[in-house]
């Protein structure tokens, strides 16, 4: 599984990158044939003083692509919510295929 983490409009520190990498590895438990995972961490509403943190996750598996985008006040919260959502998408798709 190839994992690519990109930070847009800021430079992510190593602690955040390690956190994301560690959590993404858990996707293997839901689907064993995931080929590629793209994670985008972005700052939104740059015009305002309070910037929203956006996490986007795109998962590429054979015959299926999954995508989710979540916004909150911290990258960890955005990423955790996005990871939960994408995990649910993968689980639902596998259940449909098993029927």
PDB file of N, CA and C in Angstrom:
ATOM      1  N   UNK A   1       0.847  -1.178   0.000  1.00  0.00           N
ATOM      2  CA  UNK A   1       0.000   0.000   0.000  1.00  0.00           C
ATOM      3  C   UNK A   1       0.890   1.238   0.000  1.00  0.00           C
ATOM      4  N   UNK A   2       0.671   2.098  -0.988  1.00  0.00           N
ATOM      5  CA  UNK A   2       1.436   3.321  -1.143  1.00  0.00           C
ATOM      6  C   UNK A   2       0.681   4.472  -0.474  1.00  0.00           C
ATOM      7  N   UNK A   3       1.306   5.142   0.485  1.00  0.00           N
ATOM      8  CA  UNK A   3       0.663   6.248   1.205  1.00  0.00           C
ATOM      9  C   UNK A   3       1.378   7.548   0.852  1.00  0.00           C
ATOM     10  N   UNK A   4       0.580   8.539   0.422  1.00  0.00           N
ATOM     11  CA  UNK A   4       1.136   9.841   0.058  1.00  0.00           C
ATOM     12  C   UNK A   4       0.424  10.910   0.885  1.00  0.00           C
ATOM     13  N   UNK A   5       1.191  11.679   1.647  1.00  0.00           N
ATOM     14  CA  UNK A   5       0.628  12.723   2.512  1.00  0.00           C
ATOM     15  C   UNK A   5       1.104  14.075   1.991  1.00  0.00           C
ATOM     16  N   UNK A   6       0.148  14.957   1.702  1.00  0.00           N
ATOM     17  CA  UNK A   6       0.489  16.292   1.219  1.00  0.00           C
ATOM     18  C   UNK A   6      -0.139  17.340   2.127  1.00  0.00           C
ATOM     19  N   UNK A   7       0.635  18.376   2.421  1.00  0.00           N
ATOM     20  CA  UNK A   7       0.093  19.497   3.185  1.00  0.00           C
ATOM     21  C   UNK A   7       0.014  20.700   2.245  1.00  0.00           C
ATOM     22  N   UNK A   8      -1.150  21.345   2.227  1.00  0.00           N
ATOM     23  CA  UNK A   8      -1.407  22.456   1.320  1.00  0.00           C
ATOM     24  C   UNK A   8      -1.544  23.736   2.128  1.00  0.00           C
ATOM     25  N   UNK A   9      -0.848  24.795   1.734  1.00  0.00           N
ATOM     26  CA  UNK A   9      -0.854  26.106   2.383  1.00  0.00           C
ATOM     27  C   UNK A   9      -0.136  26.122   3.723  1.00  0.00           C
ATOM     28  N   UNK A  10       0.613  25.067   4.051  1.00  0.00           N
ATOM     29  CA  UNK A  10       1.405  25.055   5.282  1.00  0.00           C
ATOM     30  C   UNK A  10       2.392  23.883   5.217  1.00  0.00           C
ATOM     31  N   UNK A  11       3.348  23.861   6.115  1.00  0.00           N
ATOM     32  CA  UNK A  11       4.296  22.754   6.226  1.00  0.00           C
ATOM     33  C   UNK A  11       3.927  21.934   7.457  1.00  0.00           C
ATOM     34  N   UNK A  12       3.581  20.660   7.228  1.00  0.00           N
ATOM     35  CA  UNK A  12       3.201  19.784   8.340  1.00  0.00           C
ATOM     36  C   UNK A  12       4.442  19.371   9.117  1.00  0.00           C
ATOM     37  N   UNK A  13       4.339  19.355  10.451  1.00  0.00           N
ATOM     38  CA  UNK A  13       5.460  18.902  11.254  1.00  0.00           C
ATOM     39  C   UNK A  13       5.505  17.364  11.241  1.00  0.00           C
ATOM     40  N   UNK A  14       6.630  16.815  11.626  1.00  0.00           N
ATOM     41  CA  UNK A  14       6.851  15.367  11.559  1.00  0.00           C
ATOM     42  C   UNK A  14       5.882  14.607  12.464  1.00  0.00           C
ATOM     43  N   UNK A  15       5.510  15.197  13.576  1.00  0.00           N
ATOM     44  CA  UNK A  15       4.580  14.559  14.508  1.00  0.00           C
ATOM     45  C   UNK A  15       3.223  14.311  13.843  1.00  0.00           C
ATOM     46  N   UNK A  16       2.720  15.306  13.095  1.00  0.00           N
ATOM     47  CA  UNK A  16       1.446  15.161  12.385  1.00  0.00           C
ATOM     48  C   UNK A  16       1.558  14.124  11.274  1.00  0.00           C
ATOM     49  N   UNK A  17       2.640  14.136  10.540  1.00  0.00           N
ATOM     50  CA  UNK A  17       2.851  13.167   9.456  1.00  0.00           C
ATOM     51  C   UNK A  17       2.919  11.746  10.016  1.00  0.00           C
ATOM     52  N   UNK A  18       3.623  11.567  11.120  1.00  0.00           N
ATOM     53  CA  UNK A  18       3.713  10.247  11.751  1.00  0.00           C
ATOM     54  C   UNK A  18       2.347   9.784  12.255  1.00  0.00           C
ATOM     55  N   UNK A  19       1.576  10.705  12.825  1.00  0.00           N
ATOM     56  CA  UNK A  19       0.242  10.388  13.323  1.00  0.00           C
ATOM     57  C   UNK A  19      -0.639   9.888  12.183  1.00  0.00           C
ATOM     58  N   UNK A  20      -0.629  10.605  11.060  1.00  0.00           N
ATOM     59  CA  UNK A  20      -1.439  10.236   9.902  1.00  0.00           C
ATOM     60  C   UNK A  20      -0.977   8.893   9.339  1.00  0.00           C
ATOM     61  N   UNK A  21       0.321   8.710   9.210  1.00  0.00           N
ATOM     62  CA  UNK A  21       0.856   7.454   8.652  1.00  0.00           C
ATOM     63  C   UNK A  21       0.453   6.256   9.499  1.00  0.00           C
ATOM     64  N   UNK A  22       0.555   6.402  10.802  1.00  0.00           N
ATOM     65  CA  UNK A  22       0.211   5.310  11.719  1.00  0.00           C
ATOM     66  C   UNK A  22      -1.266   4.934  11.598  1.00  0.00           C
ATOM     67  N   UNK A  23      -2.133   5.949  11.535  1.00  0.00           N
ATOM     68  CA  UNK A  23      -3.574   5.692  11.450  1.00  0.00           C
ATOM     69  C   UNK A  23      -3.969   5.088  10.103  1.00  0.00           C
ATOM     70  N   UNK A  24      -3.338   5.544   9.020  1.00  0.00           N
ATOM     71  CA  UNK A  24      -3.682   5.048   7.674  1.00  0.00           C
ATOM     72  C   UNK A  24      -3.377   3.556   7.551  1.00  0.00           C
ATOM     73  N   UNK A  25      -2.346   3.099   8.235  1.00  0.00           N
ATOM     74  CA  UNK A  25      -1.995   1.680   8.177  1.00  0.00           C
ATOM     75  C   UNK A  25      -3.135   0.781   8.654  1.00  0.00           C
ATOM     76  N   UNK A  26      -4.011   1.308   9.497  1.00  0.00           N
ATOM     77  CA  UNK A  26      -5.126   0.517  10.021  1.00  0.00           C
ATOM     78  C   UNK A  26      -6.170   0.211   8.948  1.00  0.00           C
ATOM     79  N   UNK A  27      -6.125   0.913   7.814  1.00  0.00           N
ATOM     80  CA  UNK A  27      -7.068   0.639   6.726  1.00  0.00           C
ATOM     81  C   UNK A  27      -6.876  -0.759   6.150  1.00  0.00           C
ATOM     82  N   UNK A  28      -5.684  -1.313   6.317  1.00  0.00           N
ATOM     83  CA  UNK A  28      -5.416  -2.674   5.824  1.00  0.00           C
ATOM     84  C   UNK A  28      -6.352  -3.706   6.453  1.00  0.00           C
ATOM     85  N   UNK A  29      -6.826  -3.441   7.653  1.00  0.00           N
ATOM     86  CA  UNK A  29      -7.706  -4.405   8.318  1.00  0.00           C
ATOM     87  C   UNK A  29      -9.083  -4.466   7.657  1.00  0.00           C
ATOM     88  N   UNK A  30      -9.458  -3.410   6.926  1.00  0.00           N
ATOM     89  CA  UNK A  30     -10.775  -3.375   6.294  1.00  0.00           C
ATOM     90  C   UNK A  30     -10.754  -3.879   4.856  1.00  0.00           C
ATOM     91  N   UNK A  31      -9.631  -3.690   4.170  1.00  0.00           N
ATOM     92  CA  UNK A  31      -9.518  -4.107   2.774  1.00  0.00           C
ATOM     93  C   UNK A  31      -8.061  -4.487   2.529  1.00  0.00           C
ATOM     94  N   UNK A  32      -7.839  -5.713   2.097  1.00  0.00           N
ATOM     95  CA  UNK A  32      -6.464  -6.192   1.955  1.00  0.00           C
ATOM     96  C   UNK A  32      -5.829  -5.843   0.613  1.00  0.00           C
ATOM     97  N   UNK A  33      -6.600  -5.274  -0.325  1.00  0.00           N
ATOM     98  CA  UNK A  33      -6.057  -4.983  -1.653  1.00  0.00           C
ATOM     99  C   UNK A  33      -5.994  -3.496  -1.956  1.00  0.00           C
ATOM    100  N   UNK A  34      -5.870  -2.668  -0.938  1.00  0.00           N
ATOM    101  CA  UNK A  34      -5.729  -1.223  -1.149  1.00  0.00           C
ATOM    102  C   UNK A  34      -4.381  -0.969  -1.805  1.00  0.00           C
ATOM    103  N   UNK A  35      -4.420  -0.260  -2.936  1.00  0.00           N
ATOM    104  CA  UNK A  35      -3.186   0.009  -3.675  1.00  0.00           C
ATOM    105  C   UNK A  35      -2.537   1.323  -3.255  1.00  0.00           C
ATOM    106  N   UNK A  36      -3.366   2.354  -3.062  1.00  0.00           N
ATOM    107  CA  UNK A  36      -2.810   3.685  -2.836  1.00  0.00           C
ATOM    108  C   UNK A  36      -3.751   4.498  -1.950  1.00  0.00           C
ATOM    109  N   UNK A  37      -3.168   5.301  -1.065  1.00  0.00           N
ATOM    110  CA  UNK A  37      -3.931   6.204  -0.202  1.00  0.00           C
ATOM    111  C   UNK A  37      -3.316   7.596  -0.327  1.00  0.00           C
ATOM    112  N   UNK A  38      -4.148   8.564  -0.697  1.00  0.00           N
ATOM    113  CA  UNK A  38      -3.715   9.957  -0.766  1.00  0.00           C
ATOM    114  C   UNK A  38      -4.378  10.719   0.373  1.00  0.00           C
ATOM    115  N   UNK A  39      -3.566  11.417   1.160  1.00  0.00           N
ATOM    116  CA  UNK A  39      -4.085  12.229   2.260  1.00  0.00           C
ATOM    117  C   UNK A  39      -3.674  13.673   1.992  1.00  0.00           C
ATOM    118  N   UNK A  40      -4.662  14.568   1.989  1.00  0.00           N
ATOM    119  CA  UNK A  40      -4.401  15.987   1.800  1.00  0.00           C
ATOM    120  C   UNK A  40      -4.819  16.721   3.069  1.00  0.00           C
ATOM    121  N   UNK A  41      -3.898  17.464   3.637  1.00  0.00           N
ATOM    122  CA  UNK A  41      -4.169  18.291   4.811  1.00  0.00           C
ATOM    123  C   UNK A  41      -4.091  19.736   4.347  1.00  0.00           C
ATOM    124  N   UNK A  42      -5.192  20.478   4.510  1.00  0.00           N
ATOM    125  CA  UNK A  42      -5.259  21.832   3.965  1.00  0.00           C
ATOM    126  C   UNK A  42      -5.722  22.820   5.022  1.00  0.00           C
ATOM    127  N   UNK A  43      -5.307  24.067   4.845  1.00  0.00           N
ATOM    128  CA  UNK A  43      -5.849  25.175   5.619  1.00  0.00           C
ATOM    129  C   UNK A  43      -6.908  25.843   4.760  1.00  0.00           C
ATOM    130  N   UNK A  44      -8.094  26.026   5.325  1.00  0.00           N
ATOM    131  CA  UNK A  44      -9.196  26.637   4.593  1.00  0.00           C
ATOM    132  C   UNK A  44      -9.526  27.984   5.213  1.00  0.00           C
ATOM    133  N   UNK A  45     -10.236  28.822   4.498  1.00  0.00           N
ATOM    134  CA  UNK A  45     -10.615  30.161   4.964  1.00  0.00           C
ATOM    135  C   UNK A  45      -9.382  30.967   5.378  1.00  0.00           C
ATOM    136  N   UNK A  46      -8.417  31.055   4.486  1.00  0.00           N
ATOM    137  CA  UNK A  46      -7.178  31.767   4.784  1.00  0.00           C
ATOM    138  C   UNK A  46      -7.442  33.256   5.001  1.00  0.00           C
ATOM    139  N   UNK A  47      -8.552  33.775   4.484  1.00  0.00           N
ATOM    140  CA  UNK A  47      -8.886  35.191   4.627  1.00  0.00           C
ATOM    141  C   UNK A  47      -9.203  35.538   6.080  1.00  0.00           C
ATOM    142  N   UNK A  48      -9.853  34.626   6.786  1.00  0.00           N
ATOM    143  CA  UNK A  48     -10.248  34.874   8.173  1.00  0.00           C
ATOM    144  C   UNK A  48      -9.093  34.593   9.121  1.00  0.00           C
ATOM    145  N   UNK A  49      -9.206  35.092  10.326  1.00  0.00           N
ATOM    146  CA  UNK A  49      -8.170  34.854  11.332  1.00  0.00           C
ATOM    147  C   UNK A  49      -8.172  33.402  11.797  1.00  0.00           C
ATOM    148  N   UNK A  50      -9.372  32.840  11.996  1.00  0.00           N
ATOM    149  CA  UNK A  50      -9.477  31.446  12.436  1.00  0.00           C
ATOM    150  C   UNK A  50      -9.539  30.565  11.201  1.00  0.00           C
ATOM    151  N   UNK A  51      -8.535  29.745  11.044  1.00  0.00           N
ATOM    152  CA  UNK A  51      -8.462  28.900   9.860  1.00  0.00           C
ATOM    153  C   UNK A  51      -9.015  27.516  10.173  1.00  0.00           C
ATOM    154  N   UNK A  52      -9.870  27.025   9.285  1.00  0.00           N
ATOM    155  CA  UNK A  52     -10.377  25.668   9.428  1.00  0.00           C
ATOM    156  C   UNK A  52      -9.344  24.695   8.872  1.00  0.00           C
ATOM    157  N   UNK A  53      -9.278  23.530   9.484  1.00  0.00           N
ATOM    158  CA  UNK A  53      -8.359  22.492   9.042  1.00  0.00           C
ATOM    159  C   UNK A  53      -9.153  21.438   8.276  1.00  0.00           C
ATOM    160  N   UNK A  54      -8.729  21.144   7.060  1.00  0.00           N
ATOM    161  CA  UNK A  54      -9.431  20.212   6.182  1.00  0.00           C
ATOM    162  C   UNK A  54      -8.562  18.983   5.975  1.00  0.00           C
ATOM    163  N   UNK A  55      -9.193  17.813   6.102  1.00  0.00           N
ATOM    164  CA  UNK A  55      -8.521  16.552   5.806  1.00  0.00           C
ATOM    165  C   UNK A  55      -9.304  15.861   4.696  1.00  0.00           C
ATOM    166  N   UNK A  56      -8.600  15.499   3.622  1.00  0.00           N
ATOM    167  CA  UNK A  56      -9.201  14.745   2.526  1.00  0.00           C
ATOM    168  C   UNK A  56      -8.449  13.431   2.408  1.00  0.00           C
ATOM    169  N   UNK A  57      -9.197  12.349   2.264  1.00  0.00           N
ATOM    170  CA  UNK A  57      -8.581  11.035   2.082  1.00  0.00           C
ATOM    171  C   UNK A  57      -9.171  10.408   0.832  1.00  0.00           C
ATOM    172  N   UNK A  58      -8.300   9.940  -0.049  1.00  0.00           N
ATOM    173  CA  UNK A  58      -8.714   9.216  -1.250  1.00  0.00           C
ATOM    174  C   UNK A  58      -8.037   7.852  -1.209  1.00  0.00           C
ATOM    175  N   UNK A  59      -8.848   6.798  -1.282  1.00  0.00           N
ATOM    176  CA  UNK A  59      -8.337   5.428  -1.235  1.00  0.00           C
ATOM    177  C   UNK A  59      -8.607   4.772  -2.586  1.00  0.00           C
ATOM    178  N   UNK A  60      -7.551   4.216  -3.176  1.00  0.00           N
ATOM    179  CA  UNK A  60      -7.662   3.518  -4.458  1.00  0.00           C
ATOM    180  C   UNK A  60      -7.530   2.018  -4.215  1.00  0.00           C
ATOM    181  N   UNK A  61      -8.585   1.296  -4.569  1.00  0.00           N
ATOM    182  CA  UNK A  61      -8.583  -0.158  -4.490  1.00  0.00           C
ATOM    183  C   UNK A  61      -9.042  -0.677  -5.852  1.00  0.00           C
ATOM    184  N   UNK A  62      -8.814  -1.944  -6.158  1.00  0.00           N
ATOM    185  CA  UNK A  62      -9.241  -2.463  -7.457  1.00  0.00           C
ATOM    186  C   UNK A  62     -10.744  -2.254  -7.674  1.00  0.00           C
ATOM    187  N   UNK A  63     -11.081  -1.613  -8.773  1.00  0.00           N
ATOM    188  CA  UNK A  63     -12.456  -1.356  -9.212  1.00  0.00           C
ATOM    189  C   UNK A  63     -13.217  -0.348  -8.348  1.00  0.00           C
ATOM    190  N   UNK A  64     -12.605   0.196  -7.301  1.00  0.00           N
ATOM    191  CA  UNK A  64     -13.308   1.134  -6.429  1.00  0.00           C
ATOM    192  C   UNK A  64     -12.365   2.230  -5.947  1.00  0.00           C
ATOM    193  N   UNK A  65     -12.880   3.449  -5.924  1.00  0.00           N
ATOM    194  CA  UNK A  65     -12.183   4.569  -5.303  1.00  0.00           C
ATOM    195  C   UNK A  65     -13.099   5.141  -4.233  1.00  0.00           C
ATOM    196  N   UNK A  66     -12.519   5.482  -3.110  1.00  0.00           N
ATOM    197  CA  UNK A  66     -13.275   6.044  -1.996  1.00  0.00           C
ATOM    198  C   UNK A  66     -12.699   7.427  -1.703  1.00  0.00           C
ATOM    199  N   UNK A  67     -13.593   8.372  -1.344  1.00  0.00           N
ATOM    200  CA  UNK A  67     -13.137   9.732  -1.060  1.00  0.00           C
ATOM    201  C   UNK A  67     -13.968  10.327   0.063  1.00  0.00           C
ATOM    202  N   UNK A  68     -13.313  11.084   0.927  1.00  0.00           N
ATOM    203  CA  UNK A  68     -14.022  11.800   1.993  1.00  0.00           C
ATOM    204  C   UNK A  68     -13.262  13.090   2.302  1.00  0.00           C
ATOM    205  N   UNK A  69     -14.032  14.119   2.668  1.00  0.00           N
ATOM    206  CA  UNK A  69     -13.456  15.421   3.027  1.00  0.00           C
ATOM    207  C   UNK A  69     -14.140  15.898   4.301  1.00  0.00           C
ATOM    208  N   UNK A  70     -13.338  16.233   5.318  1.00  0.00           N
ATOM    209  CA  UNK A  70     -13.878  16.654   6.616  1.00  0.00           C
ATOM    210  C   UNK A  70     -13.153  17.922   7.070  1.00  0.00           C
ATOM    211  N   UNK A  71     -13.924  18.838   7.650  1.00  0.00           N
ATOM    212  CA  UNK A  71     -13.380  20.103   8.143  1.00  0.00           C
ATOM    213  C   UNK A  71     -13.666  20.241   9.632  1.00  0.00           C
ATOM    214  N   UNK A  72     -12.663  20.687  10.389  1.00  0.00           N
ATOM    215  CA  UNK A  72     -12.857  20.992  11.809  1.00  0.00           C
ATOM    216  C   UNK A  72     -11.775  21.984  12.243  1.00  0.00           C
ATOM    217  N   UNK A  73     -11.626  22.161  13.540  1.00  0.00           N
ATOM    218  CA  UNK A  73     -10.675  23.149  14.066  1.00  0.00           C
ATOM    219  C   UNK A  73      -9.279  22.599  14.306  1.00  0.00           C
ATOM    220  N   UNK A  74      -9.088  21.268  14.169  1.00  0.00           N
ATOM    221  CA  UNK A  74      -7.740  20.699  14.302  1.00  0.00           C
ATOM    222  C   UNK A  74      -7.542  19.616  13.245  1.00  0.00           C
ATOM    223  N   UNK A  75      -6.308  19.430  12.833  1.00  0.00           N
ATOM    224  CA  UNK A  75      -6.016  18.421  11.819  1.00  0.00           C
ATOM    225  C   UNK A  75      -6.280  17.010  12.330  1.00  0.00           C
ATOM    226  N   UNK A  76      -5.957  16.768  13.591  1.00  0.00           N
ATOM    227  CA  UNK A  76      -6.161  15.435  14.148  1.00  0.00           C
ATOM    228  C   UNK A  76      -7.640  15.071  14.154  1.00  0.00           C
ATOM    229  N   UNK A  77      -8.481  16.004  14.577  1.00  0.00           N
ATOM    230  CA  UNK A  77      -9.923  15.751  14.605  1.00  0.00           C
ATOM    231  C   UNK A  77     -10.475  15.555  13.193  1.00  0.00           C
ATOM    232  N   UNK A  78     -10.065  16.409  12.268  1.00  0.00           N
ATOM    233  CA  UNK A  78     -10.514  16.273  10.876  1.00  0.00           C
ATOM    234  C   UNK A  78     -10.098  14.929  10.304  1.00  0.00           C
ATOM    235  N   UNK A  79      -8.834  14.562  10.523  1.00  0.00           N
ATOM    236  CA  UNK A  79      -8.327  13.314   9.972  1.00  0.00           C
ATOM    237  C   UNK A  79      -9.019  12.107  10.597  1.00  0.00           C
ATOM    238  N   UNK A  80      -9.211  12.116  11.916  1.00  0.00           N
ATOM    239  CA  UNK A  80      -9.874  10.994  12.589  1.00  0.00           C
ATOM    240  C   UNK A  80     -11.302  10.805  12.072  1.00  0.00           C
ATOM    241  N   UNK A  81     -12.037  11.904  11.917  1.00  0.00           N
ATOM    242  CA  UNK A  81     -13.401  11.815  11.396  1.00  0.00           C
ATOM    243  C   UNK A  81     -13.410  11.319   9.951  1.00  0.00           C
ATOM    244  N   UNK A  82     -12.467  11.795   9.153  1.00  0.00           N
ATOM    245  CA  UNK A  82     -12.376  11.353   7.760  1.00  0.00           C
ATOM    246  C   UNK A  82     -12.020   9.873   7.688  1.00  0.00           C
ATOM    247  N   UNK A  83     -11.122   9.429   8.552  1.00  0.00           N
ATOM    248  CA  UNK A  83     -10.716   8.021   8.563  1.00  0.00           C
ATOM    249  C   UNK A  83     -11.882   7.125   8.974  1.00  0.00           C
ATOM    250  N   UNK A  84     -12.660   7.551   9.961  1.00  0.00           N
ATOM    251  CA  UNK A  84     -13.850   6.786  10.355  1.00  0.00           C
ATOM    252  C   UNK A  84     -14.831   6.674   9.194  1.00  0.00           C
ATOM    253  N   UNK A  85     -15.036   7.772   8.502  1.00  0.00           N
ATOM    254  CA  UNK A  85     -15.980   7.793   7.385  1.00  0.00           C
ATOM    255  C   UNK A  85     -15.507   6.896   6.241  1.00  0.00           C
ATOM    256  N   UNK A  86     -14.235   6.976   5.898  1.00  0.00           N
ATOM    257  CA  UNK A  86     -13.721   6.167   4.787  1.00  0.00           C
ATOM    258  C   UNK A  86     -13.707   4.689   5.169  1.00  0.00           C
ATOM    259  N   UNK A  87     -13.460   4.388   6.431  1.00  0.00           N
ATOM    260  CA  UNK A  87     -13.512   2.997   6.898  1.00  0.00           C
ATOM    261  C   UNK A  87     -14.924   2.446   6.738  1.00  0.00           C
ATOM    262  N   UNK A  88     -15.933   3.256   7.095  1.00  0.00           N
ATOM    263  CA  UNK A  88     -17.318   2.829   6.933  1.00  0.00           C
ATOM    264  C   UNK A  88     -17.669   2.611   5.470  1.00  0.00           C
ATOM    265  N   UNK A  89     -17.180   3.470   4.578  1.00  0.00           N
ATOM    266  CA  UNK A  89     -17.425   3.295   3.150  1.00  0.00           C
ATOM    267  C   UNK A  89     -16.843   1.971   2.655  1.00  0.00           C
ATOM    268  N   UNK A  90     -15.625   1.678   3.066  1.00  0.00           N
ATOM    269  CA  UNK A  90     -14.960   0.443   2.633  1.00  0.00           C
ATOM    270  C   UNK A  90     -15.699  -0.779   3.161  1.00  0.00           C
ATOM    271  N   UNK A  91     -16.094  -0.732   4.430  1.00  0.00           N
ATOM    272  CA  UNK A  91     -16.813  -1.855   5.042  1.00  0.00           C
ATOM    273  C   UNK A  91     -18.142  -2.089   4.330  1.00  0.00           C
ATOM    274  N   UNK A  92     -18.885  -1.009   4.057  1.00  0.00           N
ATOM    275  CA  UNK A  92     -20.173  -1.156   3.367  1.00  0.00           C
ATOM    276  C   UNK A  92     -19.995  -1.747   1.978  1.00  0.00           C
ATOM    277  N   UNK A  93     -18.966  -1.318   1.248  1.00  0.00           N
ATOM    278  CA  UNK A  93     -18.727  -1.828  -0.102  1.00  0.00           C
ATOM    279  C   UNK A  93     -18.366  -3.306  -0.061  1.00  0.00           C
ATOM    280  N   UNK A  94     -17.533  -3.701   0.899  1.00  0.00           N
ATOM    281  CA  UNK A  94     -17.167  -5.124   1.019  1.00  0.00           C
ATOM    282  C   UNK A  94     -18.380  -5.980   1.390  1.00  0.00           C
ATOM    283  N   UNK A  95     -19.263  -5.444   2.245  1.00  0.00           N
ATOM    284  CA  UNK A  95     -20.475  -6.188   2.604  1.00  0.00           C
ATOM    285  C   UNK A  95     -21.389  -6.374   1.404  1.00  0.00           C
ATOM    286  N   UNK A  96     -21.500  -5.339   0.555  1.00  0.00           N
ATOM    287  CA  UNK A  96     -22.315  -5.461  -0.655  1.00  0.00           C
ATOM    288  C   UNK A  96     -21.735  -6.492  -1.613  1.00  0.00           C
ATOM    289  N   UNK A  97     -20.426  -6.507  -1.728  1.00  0.00           N
ATOM    290  CA  UNK A  97     -19.771  -7.450  -2.635  1.00  0.00           C
ATOM    291  C   UNK A  97     -19.909  -8.886  -2.124  1.00  0.00           C
ATOM    292  N   UNK A  98     -20.000  -9.050  -0.813  1.00  0.00           N
ATOM    293  CA  UNK A  98     -20.093 -10.388  -0.231  1.00  0.00           C
ATOM    294  C   UNK A  98     -21.478 -10.986  -0.418  1.00  0.00           C
ATOM    295  N   UNK A  99     -22.479 -10.167  -0.644  1.00  0.00           N
ATOM    296  CA  UNK A  99     -23.853 -10.679  -0.801  1.00  0.00           C
ATOM    297  C   UNK A  99     -24.067 -11.383  -2.113  1.00  0.00           C
TER     298      UNK A  99
END
